[in-house]
Amino acid sequence: MRMMVAAAVAAFGFAGAAFADPAVGTWKTQVDDGAYAHVKVSKCGAALCGTIARTFNDTGEYKSKNIGKRLVWDMQPSGGGAYKNGQIWQPSTGKTFKSKMALSGNTLKVSGCVGPICKKQTWSRVK
């Protein structure tokens, strides 16, 4: 009986890993205002959120005051690698925009929009 319980627990544990969202992980942003970041994307309830984990500029890694701050949030999976109804914060301006993302392999296309005008970046998977 113990073996059956242990097997069931192990199966559910492995199934949880199999159902992990493919966008979860660490992503390198494009350069914005002379700096870029590594953003750790993780589950936040039914949505995804991303927090600034590391920051870099032309001299290498540095300790920005933005480390630990939320960069994207409320990204809701909508199927086929698409995420919608999110928000994104632009550290260089301090502004927040409506956002969406599209995942394709190790590339995450992220956009922040005001009305029909959008600014886009392509992020690459770090791990």
Protein backbone atom coordinates (compact mmCIF):
# COMPACT_ATOMS: atom_id res chain seq x y z
CA MET A 1 0.00 0.00 0.00
CA ARG A 2 2.83 2.39 0.86
CA MET A 3 4.42 1.71 -2.51
CA MET A 4 1.17 2.61 -4.29
CA VAL A 5 0.86 5.86 -2.33
CA ALA A 6 4.52 6.71 -3.02
CA ALA A 7 4.03 5.96 -6.73
CA ALA A 8 0.91 8.15 -6.85
CA VAL A 9 2.71 11.03 -5.11
CA ALA A 10 5.65 10.72 -7.52
CA ALA A 11 3.32 10.61 -10.54
CA PHE A 12 1.50 13.76 -9.43
CA GLY A 13 4.84 15.49 -8.78
CA PHE A 14 6.09 14.67 -12.26
CA ALA A 15 2.77 15.67 -13.80
CA GLY A 16 3.04 19.08 -12.14
CA ALA A 17 6.42 19.61 -13.77
CA ALA A 18 5.02 18.48 -17.13
CA PHE A 19 2.26 21.10 -16.90
CA ALA A 20 4.63 23.99 -16.09
CA ASP A 21 4.03 26.99 -18.32
CA PRO A 22 6.64 27.05 -21.13
CA ALA A 23 7.30 30.79 -20.62
CA VAL A 24 8.42 30.24 -17.02
CA GLY A 25 12.16 30.84 -16.70
CA THR A 26 14.74 33.60 -16.97
CA TRP A 27 14.74 35.91 -19.99
CA LYS A 28 17.24 38.50 -21.26
CA THR A 29 15.59 41.74 -22.37
CA GLN A 30 16.79 43.95 -25.19
CA VAL A 31 18.78 47.06 -24.34
CA ASP A 32 16.59 49.99 -23.26
CA ASP A 33 18.18 53.32 -22.37
CA GLY A 34 21.65 51.73 -22.26
CA ALA A 35 20.81 48.78 -20.00
CA TYR A 36 19.20 45.36 -20.11
CA ALA A 37 17.97 42.87 -17.53
CA HIS A 38 17.41 39.25 -16.76
CA VAL A 39 13.73 38.84 -15.90
CA LYS A 40 12.55 35.84 -13.91
CA VAL A 41 9.09 34.83 -15.16
CA SER A 42 6.99 32.67 -12.86
CA LYS A 43 3.39 31.68 -12.20
CA CYS A 44 1.25 34.18 -10.27
CA GLY A 45 -2.02 32.32 -9.77
CA ALA A 46 -3.46 31.63 -13.23
CA ALA A 47 -1.26 34.30 -14.85
CA LEU A 48 2.46 34.96 -15.28
CA CYS A 49 4.56 37.67 -13.66
CA GLY A 50 8.15 38.71 -14.28
CA THR A 51 10.60 40.26 -11.81
CA ILE A 52 13.94 41.91 -12.56
CA ALA A 53 16.59 39.47 -11.30
CA ARG A 54 19.86 40.97 -12.67
CA THR A 55 20.81 44.16 -14.51
CA PHE A 56 23.57 44.95 -17.00
CA ASN A 57 24.96 47.97 -18.84
CA ASP A 58 27.91 48.56 -21.18
CA THR A 59 30.39 47.90 -18.35
CA GLY A 60 28.77 44.62 -17.27
CA GLU A 61 26.51 43.59 -14.40
CA TYR A 62 25.53 46.25 -11.90
CA LYS A 63 23.20 46.50 -8.91
CA SER A 64 20.26 48.57 -10.14
CA LYS A 65 17.64 49.92 -7.76
CA ASN A 66 15.16 48.05 -9.99
CA ILE A 67 16.33 44.55 -9.00
CA GLY A 68 13.41 42.73 -7.41
CA LYS A 69 10.81 45.01 -8.99
CA ARG A 70 7.97 43.59 -11.02
CA LEU A 71 8.40 44.23 -14.76
CA VAL A 72 5.43 42.27 -16.18
CA TRP A 73 2.29 40.98 -14.48
CA ASP A 74 -1.18 39.60 -15.15
CA MET A 75 -0.02 37.83 -18.34
CA GLN A 76 -2.82 35.38 -19.07
CA PRO A 77 -2.13 32.40 -21.32
CA SER A 78 -4.45 32.41 -24.32
CA GLY A 79 -3.15 29.34 -26.17
CA GLY A 80 -0.55 28.70 -28.83
CA GLY A 81 2.23 30.45 -26.90
CA ALA A 82 0.27 33.73 -26.67
CA TYR A 83 -0.32 35.74 -23.50
CA LYS A 84 -2.67 38.70 -23.19
CA ASN A 85 -4.23 41.24 -20.82
CA GLY A 86 -0.94 41.87 -19.03
CA GLN A 87 0.84 44.97 -17.86
CA ILE A 88 4.47 45.97 -18.36
CA TRP A 89 6.53 48.61 -16.59
CA GLN A 90 9.24 50.49 -18.48
CA PRO A 91 11.98 51.35 -15.95
CA SER A 92 13.56 54.06 -18.12
CA THR A 93 10.32 56.10 -18.12
CA GLY A 94 8.52 54.77 -15.04
CA LYS A 95 5.40 54.23 -17.17
CA THR A 96 3.13 51.18 -17.24
CA PHE A 97 1.54 49.90 -20.44
CA LYS A 98 -0.96 47.25 -21.51
CA SER A 99 1.05 44.26 -22.65
CA LYS A 100 1.01 40.95 -24.45
CA MET A 101 3.61 38.27 -25.17
CA ALA A 102 4.19 35.57 -27.77
CA LEU A 103 6.44 32.58 -27.09
CA SER A 104 8.24 30.72 -29.85
CA GLY A 105 10.92 28.29 -28.66
CA ASN A 106 13.53 30.28 -26.76
CA THR A 107 12.22 33.65 -27.97
CA LEU A 108 9.61 35.74 -26.18
CA LYS A 109 8.16 38.70 -28.09
CA VAL A 110 6.92 41.29 -25.60
CA SER A 111 4.97 44.44 -26.44
CA GLY A 112 3.65 47.35 -24.44
CA CYS A 113 0.90 49.44 -25.99
CA VAL A 114 -0.93 52.72 -25.58
CA GLY A 115 -3.91 52.53 -27.89
CA PRO A 116 -2.76 51.32 -31.31
CA ILE A 117 0.88 52.35 -30.74
CA CYS A 118 3.13 49.58 -29.39
CA LYS A 119 6.79 49.31 -28.43
CA LYS A 120 8.16 45.80 -28.93
CA GLN A 121 11.12 43.81 -27.68
CA THR A 122 12.34 40.30 -28.34
CA TRP A 123 13.65 38.55 -25.25
CA SER A 124 15.87 35.46 -25.32
CA ARG A 125 15.79 32.60 -22.85
CA VAL A 126 18.68 32.51 -20.39
CA LYS A 127 17.51 29.36 -18.54
